[in-house]
N, C-alpha and C. Protein backbone atom coordinates (compact mmCIF):
# COMPACT_ATOMS: atom_id res chain seq x y z
N MET A 1 15.23 -74.14 60.44
CA MET A 1 14.80 -72.82 59.22
C MET A 1 16.39 -72.80 58.53
N ALA A 2 16.43 -72.55 57.30
CA ALA A 2 17.54 -72.68 56.71
C ALA A 2 18.47 -71.15 57.05
N TYR A 3 19.56 -71.09 56.57
CA TYR A 3 20.23 -70.44 56.76
C TYR A 3 20.07 -69.22 56.52
N LYS A 4 20.10 -69.32 55.08
CA LYS A 4 19.67 -67.78 54.37
C LYS A 4 18.53 -67.46 54.66
N THR A 5 17.64 -68.11 55.45
CA THR A 5 16.18 -67.13 55.80
C THR A 5 16.66 -66.56 56.96
N ILE A 6 17.61 -67.33 57.78
CA ILE A 6 17.75 -66.74 59.45
C ILE A 6 18.37 -65.30 58.80
N TYR A 7 19.50 -65.70 58.30
CA TYR A 7 20.36 -64.41 57.91
C TYR A 7 19.76 -63.39 57.12
N GLN A 8 18.55 -63.65 56.15
CA GLN A 8 18.00 -62.32 55.77
C GLN A 8 17.14 -61.42 56.88
N GLN A 9 16.67 -62.62 57.54
CA GLN A 9 15.69 -61.58 59.03
C GLN A 9 16.51 -60.95 59.77
N SER A 10 17.91 -61.69 59.75
CA SER A 10 18.94 -60.69 60.68
C SER A 10 19.09 -59.33 59.98
N ILE A 11 19.35 -59.14 58.77
CA ILE A 11 19.44 -58.02 58.11
C ILE A 11 18.33 -56.98 57.91
N GLU A 12 17.07 -57.58 57.54
CA GLU A 12 16.29 -57.04 57.32
C GLU A 12 15.04 -56.76 58.51
N ARG A 13 15.13 -57.09 59.58
CA ARG A 13 14.65 -57.07 61.14
C ARG A 13 14.99 -57.10 61.95
N PRO A 14 16.49 -56.42 62.02
CA PRO A 14 17.21 -56.88 62.87
C PRO A 14 17.11 -56.88 64.79
N ASN A 15 16.21 -55.76 65.08
CA ASN A 15 15.59 -55.72 66.20
C ASN A 15 14.98 -56.98 66.95
N ASP A 16 13.92 -57.20 65.42
CA ASP A 16 13.36 -58.72 65.61
C ASP A 16 14.05 -60.04 66.05
N PHE A 17 15.19 -59.89 64.81
CA PHE A 17 15.98 -61.20 65.21
C PHE A 17 16.54 -61.46 66.25
N TRP A 18 17.23 -60.33 67.11
CA TRP A 18 18.18 -60.51 68.15
C TRP A 18 17.26 -60.38 69.46
N ALA A 19 15.90 -59.70 69.29
CA ALA A 19 15.00 -60.33 70.71
C ALA A 19 14.82 -61.20 70.73
N GLU A 20 14.21 -61.95 69.17
CA GLU A 20 14.13 -63.83 69.42
C GLU A 20 15.41 -64.24 69.64
N ALA A 21 16.15 -64.30 69.34
CA ALA A 21 17.74 -64.83 69.80
C ALA A 21 17.77 -64.77 71.30
N ALA A 22 17.78 -63.34 71.99
CA ALA A 22 17.60 -63.16 73.37
C ALA A 22 16.87 -64.19 73.98
N LYS A 23 15.67 -64.26 73.58
CA LYS A 23 14.81 -64.86 74.46
C LYS A 23 15.17 -66.17 74.97
N GLU A 24 16.50 -66.96 74.25
CA GLU A 24 16.97 -68.20 74.98
C GLU A 24 17.99 -68.29 75.72
N LEU A 25 18.09 -66.82 76.65
CA LEU A 25 18.86 -66.26 77.71
C LEU A 25 18.28 -66.33 78.63
N HIS A 26 18.43 -66.31 79.68
CA HIS A 26 17.80 -66.02 81.31
C HIS A 26 18.25 -64.42 81.39
N TRP A 27 17.03 -63.81 81.57
CA TRP A 27 17.21 -62.47 81.89
C TRP A 27 16.80 -62.25 83.16
N ASP A 28 17.67 -61.68 83.84
CA ASP A 28 17.07 -61.03 85.77
C ASP A 28 16.33 -59.86 85.48
N ARG A 29 16.64 -58.85 84.39
CA ARG A 29 15.54 -57.97 84.13
C ARG A 29 15.47 -57.89 82.33
N PRO A 30 14.41 -57.90 82.18
CA PRO A 30 14.24 -57.75 80.65
C PRO A 30 14.56 -56.34 79.96
N TRP A 31 14.95 -56.59 79.01
CA TRP A 31 15.32 -55.33 78.34
C TRP A 31 14.20 -54.58 77.90
N THR A 32 14.07 -53.23 77.55
CA THR A 32 13.28 -52.30 77.25
C THR A 32 13.33 -52.08 75.78
N ARG A 33 14.59 -52.09 75.32
CA ARG A 33 14.96 -51.91 73.80
C ARG A 33 15.80 -52.54 73.22
N VAL A 34 15.87 -53.19 72.21
CA VAL A 34 16.84 -54.17 72.06
C VAL A 34 18.14 -53.41 71.35
N LEU A 35 17.99 -52.41 70.59
CA LEU A 35 19.04 -51.38 70.30
C LEU A 35 18.68 -50.16 70.65
N ASP A 36 19.24 -49.71 71.23
CA ASP A 36 19.12 -48.08 71.43
C ASP A 36 20.28 -47.44 70.73
N GLU A 37 19.63 -46.55 69.74
CA GLU A 37 20.47 -46.06 69.08
C GLU A 37 20.50 -44.14 69.35
N SER A 38 19.70 -43.91 70.37
CA SER A 38 19.44 -42.58 70.71
C SER A 38 21.16 -41.69 70.99
N ASP A 39 22.10 -42.26 71.21
CA ASP A 39 23.40 -41.81 71.19
C ASP A 39 24.60 -42.14 70.48
N ALA A 40 23.89 -42.29 69.29
CA ALA A 40 24.96 -42.75 68.42
C ALA A 40 25.98 -41.77 68.00
N PRO A 41 27.32 -42.32 67.97
CA PRO A 41 27.50 -43.53 67.62
C PRO A 41 27.80 -44.61 68.88
N PHE A 42 27.27 -44.10 70.47
CA PHE A 42 27.67 -45.03 71.24
C PHE A 42 25.93 -46.03 71.42
N TYR A 43 26.22 -46.90 70.41
CA TYR A 43 24.90 -47.75 70.79
C TYR A 43 24.58 -48.74 71.97
N ARG A 44 23.70 -48.88 72.14
CA ARG A 44 23.35 -49.65 73.55
C ARG A 44 22.71 -51.06 73.35
N TRP A 45 22.89 -52.19 73.28
CA TRP A 45 21.89 -53.27 73.25
C TRP A 45 21.71 -53.71 74.26
N PHE A 46 20.21 -54.02 74.12
CA PHE A 46 19.41 -54.46 75.40
C PHE A 46 19.26 -53.43 76.34
N SER A 47 18.80 -52.32 76.13
CA SER A 47 18.88 -51.20 77.09
C SER A 47 17.58 -51.76 78.17
N GLY A 48 18.49 -51.57 79.75
CA GLY A 48 17.52 -51.62 80.72
C GLY A 48 17.38 -53.39 80.96
N GLY A 49 18.06 -54.17 80.07
CA GLY A 49 18.13 -55.93 80.76
C GLY A 49 19.37 -55.62 81.28
N GLU A 50 19.33 -57.06 82.26
CA GLU A 50 20.08 -57.52 83.09
C GLU A 50 20.02 -58.84 83.31
N MET A 51 21.64 -59.24 82.95
CA MET A 51 21.51 -60.63 82.84
C MET A 51 22.98 -61.20 83.86
N ASN A 52 23.02 -62.44 83.89
CA ASN A 52 24.43 -62.62 84.65
C ASN A 52 24.70 -64.01 83.95
N THR A 53 26.13 -63.30 82.71
CA THR A 53 26.72 -64.72 82.11
C THR A 53 26.79 -65.71 82.68
N CYS A 54 27.56 -65.83 83.96
CA CYS A 54 27.77 -67.10 84.32
C CYS A 54 26.68 -68.11 84.74
N TYR A 55 25.62 -67.11 84.91
CA TYR A 55 24.57 -68.05 85.03
C TYR A 55 24.04 -68.78 83.94
N ASN A 56 24.01 -67.87 82.59
CA ASN A 56 23.79 -68.44 81.67
C ASN A 56 24.67 -69.63 80.78
N ALA A 57 25.79 -69.57 81.14
CA ALA A 57 27.07 -70.49 80.81
C ALA A 57 26.78 -71.70 81.59
N LEU A 58 26.07 -71.56 82.98
CA LEU A 58 26.73 -72.72 83.53
C LEU A 58 25.16 -73.36 84.29
N ASP A 59 24.50 -72.22 84.96
CA ASP A 59 23.71 -72.71 86.36
C ASP A 59 22.09 -73.15 85.22
N ARG A 60 22.15 -72.49 84.47
CA ARG A 60 20.96 -72.90 84.02
C ARG A 60 20.74 -74.27 83.29
N HIS A 61 21.88 -74.72 82.78
CA HIS A 61 22.13 -76.14 81.76
C HIS A 61 21.98 -77.03 82.89
N CYS A 62 22.52 -76.70 84.25
CA CYS A 62 22.36 -77.71 85.30
C CYS A 62 21.05 -77.70 85.72
N GLU A 63 20.41 -76.56 85.83
CA GLU A 63 18.69 -76.63 86.23
C GLU A 63 18.25 -77.50 85.20
N SER A 64 18.35 -77.24 84.00
CA SER A 64 17.52 -78.37 82.85
C SER A 64 17.87 -79.34 82.49
N GLY A 65 18.70 -80.12 83.60
CA GLY A 65 19.10 -81.73 83.47
C GLY A 65 20.33 -81.82 82.61
N ARG A 66 20.99 -80.80 82.42
CA ARG A 66 22.25 -80.93 81.80
C ARG A 66 23.64 -81.06 82.46
N GLY A 67 23.56 -81.25 83.87
CA GLY A 67 24.34 -80.79 84.91
C GLY A 67 25.70 -81.65 84.40
N GLY A 68 25.37 -83.13 83.83
CA GLY A 68 26.12 -84.26 83.77
C GLY A 68 27.12 -84.17 82.81
N GLN A 69 26.53 -83.12 81.68
CA GLN A 69 27.01 -82.92 80.41
C GLN A 69 28.53 -82.45 80.32
N ALA A 70 29.33 -82.82 79.35
CA ALA A 70 30.80 -81.93 79.16
C ALA A 70 30.48 -80.50 78.97
N ALA A 71 30.85 -79.74 79.70
CA ALA A 71 30.66 -77.83 79.39
C ALA A 71 32.31 -77.48 79.15
N LEU A 72 33.08 -78.03 79.62
CA LEU A 72 34.34 -77.74 79.37
C LEU A 72 35.50 -78.85 78.92
N ILE A 73 36.25 -78.70 77.65
CA ILE A 73 37.06 -79.96 77.34
C ILE A 73 38.64 -79.16 77.38
N TYR A 74 39.69 -79.54 78.31
CA TYR A 74 40.80 -79.00 78.07
C TYR A 74 41.98 -80.21 77.73
N ASP A 75 42.15 -79.73 76.25
CA ASP A 75 42.86 -80.97 75.70
C ASP A 75 44.44 -80.22 75.27
N SER A 76 45.58 -80.34 75.92
CA SER A 76 46.46 -79.57 75.87
C SER A 76 47.92 -80.64 75.04
N ALA A 77 48.04 -79.94 73.81
CA ALA A 77 48.66 -80.18 72.83
C ALA A 77 50.43 -80.15 73.72
N VAL A 78 50.39 -79.34 74.50
CA VAL A 78 52.00 -78.72 75.26
C VAL A 78 52.12 -79.71 76.20
N THR A 79 51.28 -80.15 77.20
CA THR A 79 51.40 -80.88 78.26
C THR A 79 50.88 -82.24 78.07
N GLY A 80 50.25 -82.49 76.92
CA GLY A 80 49.44 -83.93 77.00
C GLY A 80 48.14 -84.09 77.66
N GLN A 81 47.72 -83.12 78.46
CA GLN A 81 47.14 -83.08 79.66
C GLN A 81 45.67 -83.27 78.81
N VAL A 82 44.41 -83.77 79.40
CA VAL A 82 43.21 -84.16 78.91
C VAL A 82 42.44 -83.85 79.98
N ARG A 83 41.41 -82.87 80.48
CA ARG A 83 40.67 -82.88 81.61
C ARG A 83 39.35 -82.45 80.86
N THR A 84 38.30 -83.16 81.49
CA THR A 84 36.98 -82.65 81.22
C THR A 84 36.20 -82.17 82.20
N PHE A 85 34.91 -81.12 82.59
CA PHE A 85 34.45 -80.62 83.24
C PHE A 85 32.82 -80.73 82.97
N SER A 86 32.20 -81.50 83.88
CA SER A 86 30.68 -81.29 83.63
C SER A 86 30.08 -79.92 83.65
N TYR A 87 28.92 -79.63 83.44
CA TYR A 87 28.25 -78.13 84.09
C TYR A 87 28.56 -78.14 85.32
N GLU A 88 28.17 -79.59 86.24
CA GLU A 88 27.94 -79.01 87.62
C GLU A 88 29.42 -79.16 88.01
N GLN A 89 30.42 -79.63 87.80
CA GLN A 89 31.60 -79.84 88.45
C GLN A 89 32.33 -78.29 87.99
N LEU A 90 32.20 -77.70 86.88
CA LEU A 90 32.39 -76.31 86.20
C LEU A 90 31.73 -75.09 87.42
N ARG A 91 30.58 -75.34 87.51
CA ARG A 91 29.99 -74.21 88.04
C ARG A 91 30.23 -74.25 89.62
N ASP A 92 30.73 -75.62 90.14
CA ASP A 92 30.94 -75.66 91.55
C ASP A 92 32.33 -74.85 91.93
N HIS A 93 33.24 -75.03 90.99
CA HIS A 93 34.76 -74.74 90.75
C HIS A 93 34.53 -73.30 90.74
N VAL A 94 33.59 -72.55 89.81
CA VAL A 94 33.58 -71.30 89.41
C VAL A 94 32.65 -70.76 90.92
N ALA A 95 31.94 -71.19 91.57
CA ALA A 95 31.27 -71.01 93.01
C ALA A 95 32.18 -70.79 93.60
N ARG A 96 33.01 -72.26 93.98
CA ARG A 96 34.26 -71.68 95.05
C ARG A 96 35.34 -70.29 94.88
N PHE A 97 35.41 -70.39 93.61
CA PHE A 97 36.63 -69.09 93.49
C PHE A 97 36.03 -67.88 93.65
N ALA A 98 34.49 -67.85 92.90
CA ALA A 98 33.86 -66.43 93.07
C ALA A 98 34.04 -66.45 94.73
N GLY A 99 33.70 -67.45 95.47
CA GLY A 99 33.78 -67.16 97.03
C GLY A 99 35.08 -66.90 97.19
N ALA A 100 35.99 -67.12 96.56
CA ALA A 100 37.08 -66.76 97.27
C ALA A 100 37.64 -65.39 96.53
N LEU A 101 37.17 -64.80 95.82
CA LEU A 101 36.96 -63.50 95.43
C LEU A 101 36.33 -62.76 96.23
N ARG A 102 35.68 -62.68 96.50
CA ARG A 102 34.64 -62.11 97.78
C ARG A 102 35.37 -61.95 98.98
N ALA A 103 35.88 -62.93 99.13
CA ALA A 103 36.72 -63.33 100.68
C ALA A 103 37.79 -62.20 100.47
N ARG A 104 38.12 -61.99 99.13
CA ARG A 104 39.63 -61.14 99.18
C ARG A 104 38.63 -59.27 98.85
N GLY A 105 37.79 -59.38 98.93
CA GLY A 105 37.27 -57.85 98.87
C GLY A 105 36.46 -57.40 97.47
N VAL A 106 36.52 -58.48 96.75
CA VAL A 106 36.21 -58.22 95.25
C VAL A 106 34.71 -58.11 95.13
N GLU A 107 34.18 -57.13 94.59
CA GLU A 107 32.78 -56.96 94.40
C GLU A 107 32.19 -56.26 93.50
N LYS A 108 30.87 -56.44 93.03
CA LYS A 108 30.18 -56.06 91.62
C LYS A 108 30.61 -54.83 90.97
N GLY A 109 31.44 -54.92 89.77
CA GLY A 109 31.94 -53.73 89.42
C GLY A 109 33.56 -53.19 89.45
N ASP A 110 33.90 -54.44 90.52
CA ASP A 110 35.32 -54.12 90.23
C ASP A 110 35.98 -54.56 89.20
N ARG A 111 37.49 -54.45 89.01
CA ARG A 111 38.31 -55.00 87.83
C ARG A 111 39.14 -55.85 88.44
N VAL A 112 39.39 -57.25 87.86
CA VAL A 112 40.10 -58.11 88.05
C VAL A 112 41.12 -58.38 86.75
N ILE A 113 42.34 -58.14 86.85
CA ILE A 113 43.08 -58.92 85.77
C ILE A 113 43.62 -60.44 86.08
N ILE A 114 43.32 -61.13 84.58
CA ILE A 114 43.68 -62.51 84.88
C ILE A 114 44.73 -62.83 83.92
N TYR A 115 46.23 -63.32 84.93
CA TYR A 115 47.26 -62.92 83.85
C TYR A 115 47.70 -64.61 83.80
N MET A 116 47.23 -65.45 83.03
CA MET A 116 47.55 -66.76 83.22
C MET A 116 47.51 -67.42 81.96
N PRO A 117 48.02 -68.78 81.86
CA PRO A 117 48.11 -69.60 80.41
C PRO A 117 46.83 -69.92 80.08
N MET A 118 46.39 -70.46 79.01
CA MET A 118 45.22 -70.96 78.68
C MET A 118 45.06 -72.33 78.92
N ILE A 119 44.72 -72.18 80.39
CA ILE A 119 44.07 -73.60 81.08
C ILE A 119 42.94 -73.35 81.89
N PRO A 120 42.25 -74.71 82.43
CA PRO A 120 40.68 -74.35 82.87
C PRO A 120 40.97 -73.41 83.74
N GLU A 121 41.78 -73.44 84.63
CA GLU A 121 41.45 -72.31 86.04
C GLU A 121 41.45 -70.67 85.29
N ALA A 122 41.83 -70.38 84.35
CA ALA A 122 41.65 -69.06 83.74
C ALA A 122 40.44 -68.99 82.98
N VAL A 123 39.57 -70.17 82.66
CA VAL A 123 38.30 -69.93 82.48
C VAL A 123 37.03 -69.77 83.61
N ILE A 124 37.62 -70.80 84.72
CA ILE A 124 37.01 -70.25 86.21
C ILE A 124 37.18 -69.24 86.52
N ALA A 125 38.13 -68.40 86.48
CA ALA A 125 38.25 -67.30 87.30
C ALA A 125 37.68 -66.01 86.21
N MET A 126 37.55 -66.93 84.79
CA MET A 126 36.61 -65.49 84.05
C MET A 126 35.28 -65.69 84.51
N LEU A 127 34.83 -66.74 84.78
CA LEU A 127 33.43 -66.85 84.93
C LEU A 127 33.36 -66.69 86.25
N ALA A 128 34.20 -67.17 87.25
CA ALA A 128 34.08 -66.35 88.93
C ALA A 128 33.76 -64.85 88.82
N CYS A 129 34.19 -64.23 88.25
CA CYS A 129 34.34 -62.64 88.02
C CYS A 129 32.96 -62.45 87.47
N ALA A 130 32.54 -63.40 86.40
CA ALA A 130 31.04 -62.58 85.80
C ALA A 130 30.09 -63.14 87.00
N ARG A 131 30.01 -64.38 87.49
CA ARG A 131 29.18 -64.67 88.81
C ARG A 131 28.86 -63.69 89.88
N ILE A 132 29.88 -62.83 90.21
CA ILE A 132 29.73 -61.98 91.11
C ILE A 132 29.65 -60.24 90.34
N GLY A 133 29.83 -60.29 89.26
CA GLY A 133 29.58 -59.18 88.52
C GLY A 133 30.72 -58.25 88.55
N ALA A 134 32.06 -59.03 88.49
CA ALA A 134 33.19 -57.90 88.40
C ALA A 134 33.63 -57.97 86.98
N VAL A 135 34.61 -57.23 86.85
CA VAL A 135 34.99 -56.85 85.45
C VAL A 135 36.21 -57.42 85.13
N HIS A 136 36.53 -58.59 84.29
CA HIS A 136 37.80 -59.29 84.31
C HIS A 136 38.79 -58.60 82.74
N SER A 137 39.89 -58.55 82.87
CA SER A 137 40.67 -58.14 81.63
C SER A 137 41.81 -59.17 81.99
N VAL A 138 41.94 -59.86 80.39
CA VAL A 138 42.66 -61.10 80.38
C VAL A 138 44.13 -60.68 80.10
N VAL A 139 45.04 -60.88 80.22
CA VAL A 139 46.54 -60.09 80.17
C VAL A 139 47.45 -61.55 79.33
N PHE A 140 47.74 -61.27 78.18
CA PHE A 140 48.27 -62.14 77.56
C PHE A 140 49.86 -62.46 78.49
N GLY A 141 49.59 -63.92 78.70
CA GLY A 141 51.20 -64.06 79.44
C GLY A 141 52.33 -63.94 78.98
N GLY A 142 52.55 -63.63 77.72
CA GLY A 142 53.86 -63.24 76.97
C GLY A 142 53.96 -61.82 77.14
N PHE A 143 53.60 -61.12 77.82
CA PHE A 143 54.08 -59.68 77.61
C PHE A 143 55.19 -59.45 78.59
N ALA A 144 55.81 -58.49 78.21
CA ALA A 144 57.16 -57.86 79.02
C ALA A 144 56.65 -57.47 79.74
N ALA A 145 57.50 -57.12 81.13
CA ALA A 145 57.40 -56.54 82.31
C ALA A 145 56.42 -54.93 82.09
N ASN A 146 57.18 -54.30 80.78
CA ASN A 146 56.66 -53.03 80.45
C ASN A 146 55.32 -53.14 80.33
N GLU A 147 54.71 -53.87 78.89
CA GLU A 147 53.60 -54.16 78.68
C GLU A 147 52.64 -54.38 79.79
N LEU A 148 53.08 -55.35 80.64
CA LEU A 148 52.16 -55.90 81.83
C LEU A 148 52.07 -54.69 82.64
N ALA A 149 52.78 -53.97 82.97
CA ALA A 149 53.33 -52.95 83.86
C ALA A 149 51.59 -51.86 83.35
N THR A 150 51.71 -51.46 82.06
CA THR A 150 50.96 -50.50 81.49
C THR A 150 49.57 -50.95 81.51
N ARG A 151 49.27 -52.31 81.29
CA ARG A 151 47.91 -52.76 81.44
C ARG A 151 47.29 -52.97 82.75
N VAL A 152 48.41 -53.36 84.21
CA VAL A 152 47.88 -53.03 85.23
C VAL A 152 47.40 -51.99 85.57
N LEU A 153 48.28 -50.88 85.47
CA LEU A 153 48.18 -49.49 85.45
C LEU A 153 47.05 -49.11 85.07
N ASP A 154 46.62 -49.34 83.56
CA ASP A 154 45.39 -49.00 83.41
C ASP A 154 44.15 -49.47 83.65
N ALA A 155 44.12 -50.77 84.17
CA ALA A 155 42.73 -51.49 84.45
C ALA A 155 42.93 -50.90 86.16
N LYS A 156 43.89 -50.52 86.76
CA LYS A 156 43.26 -50.35 88.04
C LYS A 156 42.84 -51.60 88.86
N PRO A 157 43.41 -52.83 88.80
CA PRO A 157 42.55 -53.84 89.61
C PRO A 157 42.21 -54.03 91.01
N ARG A 158 41.27 -54.56 91.45
CA ARG A 158 41.35 -54.57 92.57
C ARG A 158 41.96 -56.20 93.27
N LEU A 159 42.24 -56.86 91.88
CA LEU A 159 43.07 -57.88 92.11
C LEU A 159 43.66 -58.66 91.10
N ILE A 160 44.68 -59.03 90.96
CA ILE A 160 45.22 -59.86 90.09
C ILE A 160 45.27 -61.20 90.47
N VAL A 161 44.83 -62.19 89.29
CA VAL A 161 44.97 -63.62 89.31
C VAL A 161 45.86 -63.86 88.39
N SER A 162 46.71 -64.82 89.04
CA SER A 162 47.86 -65.37 88.31
C SER A 162 48.41 -66.53 88.20
N ALA A 163 49.06 -67.04 87.46
CA ALA A 163 49.52 -68.40 87.58
C ALA A 163 51.41 -68.04 87.78
N THR A 164 52.02 -69.46 88.17
CA THR A 164 53.32 -68.83 88.54
C THR A 164 53.86 -68.95 87.13
N CYS A 165 53.46 -69.76 86.06
CA CYS A 165 54.38 -69.60 84.92
C CYS A 165 53.48 -70.20 83.66
N GLY A 166 53.77 -70.04 82.26
CA GLY A 166 53.16 -70.47 81.36
C GLY A 166 54.26 -71.73 80.80
N ILE A 167 53.75 -72.35 79.83
CA ILE A 167 54.49 -73.37 78.87
C ILE A 167 54.16 -72.97 77.32
N GLU A 168 55.61 -72.82 76.73
CA GLU A 168 55.64 -72.35 75.13
C GLU A 168 56.08 -73.32 74.69
N GLY A 169 56.05 -74.42 74.27
CA GLY A 169 56.51 -75.74 73.72
C GLY A 169 57.59 -76.18 74.83
N ALA A 170 58.83 -76.56 74.50
CA ALA A 170 59.08 -77.11 75.87
C ALA A 170 59.54 -75.93 76.92
N ARG A 171 59.59 -74.68 76.40
CA ARG A 171 60.21 -73.56 77.59
C ARG A 171 58.87 -73.34 78.50
N VAL A 172 59.37 -72.97 79.85
CA VAL A 172 58.61 -72.79 80.54
C VAL A 172 58.83 -71.19 80.67
N ILE A 173 57.74 -70.28 80.77
CA ILE A 173 57.81 -68.97 81.16
C ILE A 173 57.17 -68.18 82.42
N PRO A 174 58.30 -67.76 83.12
CA PRO A 174 57.82 -67.57 84.49
C PRO A 174 56.98 -66.42 84.39
N TYR A 175 55.85 -66.11 85.28
CA TYR A 175 55.08 -65.15 85.04
C TYR A 175 55.63 -64.34 86.41
């Protein structure tokens, strides 16, 4: 289908458009309404529905035979490091890290701050939070102590996942 046709459908019949698009995802519990406008301006998409973002990002691809395909390619201009993770490899790393989060008491609905540079382990931490239903908040590694403290106090996290440092150009930035 041509882009203009799809775009026009999204404008003219947004509920039908998004309902059709959402069918491409795995839902643990289907939605009852695509867009709930009953408490405007606080809209809710896919009311009543429940899904696991991590399952949709990784597991379903493994189950459909794509497990060996590349899911994440890390290519760092700073360190020159290139790493490729298949869906299966990434799923396994995420599952292990989700287990580590659980072992430290993180449960569904808990908040986790991720204070890491842009490395594969940050993606693994985010997906691990999604896997167990924890809410993650990514905090920029370049924040000064006061800005970091403000975000930590606001989030009231159960856990903070951090690296020891980040690299900017040739500089090592201690975390």
